[in-house]
């Protein structure tokens, strides 16, 4: 939905293919959404001589996710820090009522190509 340098919003619409037996969006579909969002955010901030590779991922689920889910992430790469280094990117997932349904943290290794 939105991609600016260091900011990303991605939308996922509930459909039958990604539902679980609890009639909500499957946990791994939400994890994939969060990881994808973190990747867009990181890659919007790095230049062509830098690369980012995710190597650790955590997610917390707070409530069932149904309907349209928005994943939001912000990240700013501090140029003055040495490379390679690890950077954490937090992605928050919200339902249509603006309730946070999950929060993920992806750790990216940022290094020169």
Protein backbone atom coordinates (compact mmCIF):
# COMPACT_ATOMS: atom_id res chain seq x y z
CA UNK A 1 0.00 0.00 0.00
CA UNK A 2 2.81 2.41 0.87
CA UNK A 3 6.58 2.32 0.48
CA UNK A 4 8.83 5.24 1.32
CA UNK A 5 12.44 5.28 2.36
CA UNK A 6 12.46 3.50 5.71
CA UNK A 7 8.67 3.03 5.92
CA UNK A 8 6.36 0.35 4.60
CA UNK A 9 2.69 -0.63 4.88
CA UNK A 10 1.49 -3.89 3.36
CA UNK A 11 -2.10 -5.15 3.32
CA UNK A 12 -3.28 -8.76 3.50
CA UNK A 13 -6.91 -9.64 2.80
CA UNK A 14 -8.37 -12.69 4.47
CA UNK A 15 -9.34 -15.45 2.06
CA UNK A 16 -10.15 -19.12 2.40
CA UNK A 17 -6.70 -20.29 1.25
CA UNK A 18 -4.92 -18.69 4.22
CA UNK A 19 -7.41 -19.57 6.96
CA UNK A 20 -6.77 -22.06 9.73
CA UNK A 21 -9.17 -24.37 11.59
CA UNK A 22 -10.05 -21.47 13.94
CA UNK A 23 -11.51 -19.49 11.01
CA UNK A 24 -8.79 -16.82 11.22
CA UNK A 25 -5.67 -16.06 9.19
CA UNK A 26 -3.04 -18.74 9.70
CA UNK A 27 -0.09 -17.83 11.94
CA UNK A 28 2.48 -18.59 9.25
CA UNK A 29 0.65 -16.42 6.71
CA UNK A 30 0.98 -13.57 9.21
CA UNK A 31 4.67 -14.39 9.75
CA UNK A 32 5.24 -14.33 5.98
CA UNK A 33 3.49 -10.97 5.77
CA UNK A 34 5.69 -9.56 8.54
CA UNK A 35 8.94 -10.92 7.06
CA UNK A 36 8.03 -9.57 3.61
CA UNK A 37 7.20 -6.16 5.10
CA UNK A 38 10.51 -6.04 7.00
CA UNK A 39 12.38 -6.87 3.80
CA UNK A 40 10.72 -4.08 1.83
CA UNK A 41 11.52 -1.67 4.64
CA UNK A 42 15.19 -2.66 4.87
CA UNK A 43 15.72 -2.65 1.12
CA UNK A 44 14.15 0.79 0.83
CA UNK A 45 16.97 2.21 2.98
CA UNK A 46 20.11 0.46 1.74
CA UNK A 47 22.06 1.42 -1.38
CA UNK A 48 23.38 -0.74 -4.22
CA UNK A 49 26.69 -1.41 -2.47
CA UNK A 50 24.96 -2.82 0.63
CA UNK A 51 22.96 -5.98 1.18
CA UNK A 52 20.60 -7.19 3.85
CA UNK A 53 19.96 -10.81 4.76
CA UNK A 54 17.43 -11.88 7.41
CA UNK A 55 18.80 -14.46 9.82
CA UNK A 56 16.50 -14.40 12.85
CA UNK A 57 12.75 -13.93 13.15
CA UNK A 58 10.37 -13.80 16.13
CA UNK A 59 6.64 -13.18 16.22
CA UNK A 60 4.11 -12.71 19.03
CA UNK A 61 0.40 -13.24 18.43
CA UNK A 62 -2.06 -11.24 20.53
CA UNK A 63 -5.43 -12.09 19.01
CA UNK A 64 -6.98 -13.84 16.02
CA UNK A 65 -6.44 -11.99 12.77
CA UNK A 66 -9.47 -11.64 10.55
CA UNK A 67 -10.50 -9.44 7.64
CA UNK A 68 -7.94 -6.99 6.30
CA UNK A 69 -4.60 -6.92 8.13
CA UNK A 70 -2.14 -4.03 7.79
CA UNK A 71 1.54 -4.65 8.46
CA UNK A 72 3.52 -1.50 9.36
CA UNK A 73 7.26 -1.13 9.68
CA UNK A 74 9.82 1.65 10.03
CA UNK A 75 13.61 1.40 9.84
CA UNK A 76 16.42 3.91 9.43
CA UNK A 77 19.93 2.73 8.59
CA UNK A 78 22.53 4.69 10.54
CA UNK A 79 25.33 5.29 8.03
CA UNK A 80 27.95 6.13 10.66
CA UNK A 81 27.96 2.64 12.21
CA UNK A 82 30.47 0.02 11.11
CA UNK A 83 29.55 -2.88 8.83
CA UNK A 84 28.73 -5.69 8.93
CA UNK A 85 26.17 -5.36 11.68
CA UNK A 86 22.85 -6.69 12.84
CA UNK A 87 19.73 -4.54 12.75
CA UNK A 88 16.31 -5.35 14.22
CA UNK A 89 13.20 -4.38 12.30
CA UNK A 90 9.85 -4.40 14.12
CA UNK A 91 6.66 -5.05 12.17
CA UNK A 92 3.28 -4.48 13.78
CA UNK A 93 0.13 -6.11 12.37
CA UNK A 94 -3.26 -4.44 12.86
CA UNK A 95 -6.82 -5.45 12.07
CA UNK A 96 -9.50 -3.15 10.68
CA UNK A 97 -10.43 -1.98 14.19
CA UNK A 98 -6.80 -0.76 14.58
CA UNK A 99 -6.11 -3.45 17.20
CA UNK A 100 -2.62 -4.94 17.14
CA UNK A 101 -3.00 -8.65 16.40
CA UNK A 102 0.71 -9.54 16.19
CA UNK A 103 4.20 -8.05 16.44
CA UNK A 104 7.26 -9.46 14.70
CA UNK A 105 10.96 -8.68 15.00
CA UNK A 106 13.22 -9.59 12.10
CA UNK A 107 16.97 -9.36 12.60
CA UNK A 108 18.88 -8.49 9.44
CA UNK A 109 22.61 -8.74 8.79
CA UNK A 110 23.58 -5.55 6.91
CA UNK A 111 26.89 -5.67 5.10
CA UNK A 112 28.78 -4.43 2.06
CA UNK A 113 28.41 -6.52 -1.09
